[in-house]
Amino acid sequence: MKLTKLIIDGFRSYGEPTTISFDNITTLIGSNGAGKTTAKCTK
């Protein structure tokens, strides 16, 4: 599975839903509470 897009929604630090597109990525790195577990995979 290849991660191509990340949609961030429902976080106080983001006022509106935000989409981040990726070209080539193999890992998500972030501090505890950064929202890594809520990342959604899309096709």
N, C-alpha and C. Protein backbone atom coordinates (compact mmCIF):
# COMPACT_ATOMS: atom_id res chain seq x y z
N MET A 1 0.84 -1.17 0.00
CA MET A 1 0.00 0.00 0.00
C MET A 1 0.89 1.23 0.00
N LYS A 2 0.53 2.22 -0.78
CA LYS A 2 1.30 3.46 -0.87
C LYS A 2 0.44 4.61 -0.37
N LEU A 3 0.96 5.38 0.57
CA LEU A 3 0.28 6.55 1.09
C LEU A 3 0.46 7.69 0.10
N THR A 4 -0.64 8.19 -0.45
CA THR A 4 -0.56 9.28 -1.43
C THR A 4 -1.17 10.58 -0.93
N LYS A 5 -2.08 10.48 0.06
CA LYS A 5 -2.76 11.68 0.52
C LYS A 5 -3.14 11.50 1.98
N LEU A 6 -3.03 12.58 2.77
CA LEU A 6 -3.42 12.58 4.18
C LEU A 6 -4.47 13.66 4.36
N ILE A 7 -5.62 13.28 4.93
CA ILE A 7 -6.69 14.24 5.20
C ILE A 7 -6.76 14.45 6.70
N ILE A 8 -6.57 15.70 7.14
CA ILE A 8 -6.61 16.06 8.55
C ILE A 8 -7.92 16.77 8.81
N ASP A 9 -8.71 16.23 9.74
CA ASP A 9 -10.03 16.79 10.02
C ASP A 9 -10.37 16.55 11.49
N GLY A 10 -10.95 17.53 12.13
CA GLY A 10 -11.38 17.36 13.52
C GLY A 10 -10.31 17.66 14.56
N PHE A 11 -9.24 18.34 14.19
CA PHE A 11 -8.20 18.72 15.13
C PHE A 11 -8.32 20.21 15.42
N ARG A 12 -8.17 20.59 16.67
CA ARG A 12 -8.31 22.01 17.03
C ARG A 12 -7.28 22.90 16.34
N SER A 13 -6.09 22.36 16.07
CA SER A 13 -5.04 23.18 15.47
C SER A 13 -5.30 23.45 13.98
N TYR A 14 -6.26 22.73 13.37
CA TYR A 14 -6.64 22.97 11.98
C TYR A 14 -8.09 23.42 11.97
N GLY A 15 -8.33 24.62 11.49
CA GLY A 15 -9.69 25.16 11.48
C GLY A 15 -10.61 24.43 10.51
N GLU A 16 -10.09 24.05 9.37
CA GLU A 16 -10.87 23.39 8.33
C GLU A 16 -10.18 22.08 7.95
N PRO A 17 -10.91 21.14 7.34
CA PRO A 17 -10.25 19.93 6.85
C PRO A 17 -9.08 20.28 5.92
N THR A 18 -7.94 19.64 6.11
CA THR A 18 -6.73 19.93 5.35
C THR A 18 -6.23 18.66 4.67
N THR A 19 -5.85 18.76 3.40
CA THR A 19 -5.33 17.62 2.65
C THR A 19 -3.86 17.86 2.34
N ILE A 20 -3.04 16.86 2.64
CA ILE A 20 -1.61 16.91 2.33
C ILE A 20 -1.32 15.77 1.37
N SER A 21 -0.76 16.08 0.20
CA SER A 21 -0.43 15.06 -0.80
C SER A 21 1.05 14.70 -0.69
N PHE A 22 1.37 13.42 -0.90
CA PHE A 22 2.73 12.92 -0.83
C PHE A 22 3.13 12.34 -2.18
N ASP A 23 4.42 12.49 -2.55
CA ASP A 23 4.96 11.83 -3.73
C ASP A 23 5.46 10.45 -3.33
N ASN A 24 6.58 10.39 -2.67
CA ASN A 24 7.16 9.12 -2.18
C ASN A 24 7.43 9.27 -0.70
N ILE A 25 6.81 8.42 0.10
CA ILE A 25 7.01 8.45 1.55
C ILE A 25 6.96 7.02 2.06
N THR A 26 7.77 6.72 3.04
CA THR A 26 7.77 5.37 3.59
C THR A 26 7.37 5.33 5.05
N THR A 27 7.32 6.46 5.72
CA THR A 27 7.07 6.46 7.16
C THR A 27 6.41 7.75 7.62
N LEU A 28 5.61 7.68 8.65
CA LEU A 28 5.06 8.86 9.31
C LEU A 28 5.75 8.99 10.66
N ILE A 29 6.29 10.16 10.94
CA ILE A 29 6.99 10.40 12.20
C ILE A 29 6.37 11.61 12.86
N GLY A 30 6.07 11.51 14.15
CA GLY A 30 5.52 12.64 14.88
C GLY A 30 5.46 12.34 16.36
N SER A 31 5.29 13.37 17.14
CA SER A 31 5.22 13.20 18.59
C SER A 31 3.89 12.56 18.99
N ASN A 32 3.82 12.11 20.24
CA ASN A 32 2.57 11.56 20.75
C ASN A 32 1.48 12.62 20.64
N GLY A 33 0.31 12.22 20.20
CA GLY A 33 -0.80 13.15 20.06
C GLY A 33 -0.78 13.92 18.76
N ALA A 34 0.13 13.60 17.84
CA ALA A 34 0.21 14.33 16.57
C ALA A 34 -0.84 13.87 15.57
N GLY A 35 -1.49 12.72 15.81
CA GLY A 35 -2.54 12.25 14.92
C GLY A 35 -2.11 11.18 13.93
N LYS A 36 -0.99 10.52 14.18
CA LYS A 36 -0.50 9.49 13.26
C LYS A 36 -1.49 8.34 13.12
N THR A 37 -2.13 7.94 14.21
CA THR A 37 -3.05 6.81 14.16
C THR A 37 -4.33 7.14 13.42
N THR A 38 -4.66 8.39 13.27
CA THR A 38 -5.90 8.76 12.60
C THR A 38 -5.70 9.00 11.10
N ALA A 39 -4.51 8.75 10.61
CA ALA A 39 -4.24 8.93 9.17
C ALA A 39 -5.12 7.96 8.38
N LYS A 40 -5.76 8.48 7.34
CA LYS A 40 -6.64 7.65 6.50
C LYS A 40 -5.95 7.37 5.17
N CYS A 41 -6.02 6.15 4.70
CA CYS A 41 -5.45 5.78 3.40
C CYS A 41 -6.51 5.98 2.34
N THR A 42 -6.16 6.63 1.23
CA THR A 42 -7.09 6.81 0.12
C THR A 42 -6.42 6.33 -1.16
N LYS A 43 -7.23 6.02 -2.14
CA LYS A 43 -6.69 5.57 -3.43
C LYS A 43 -6.74 6.68 -4.43
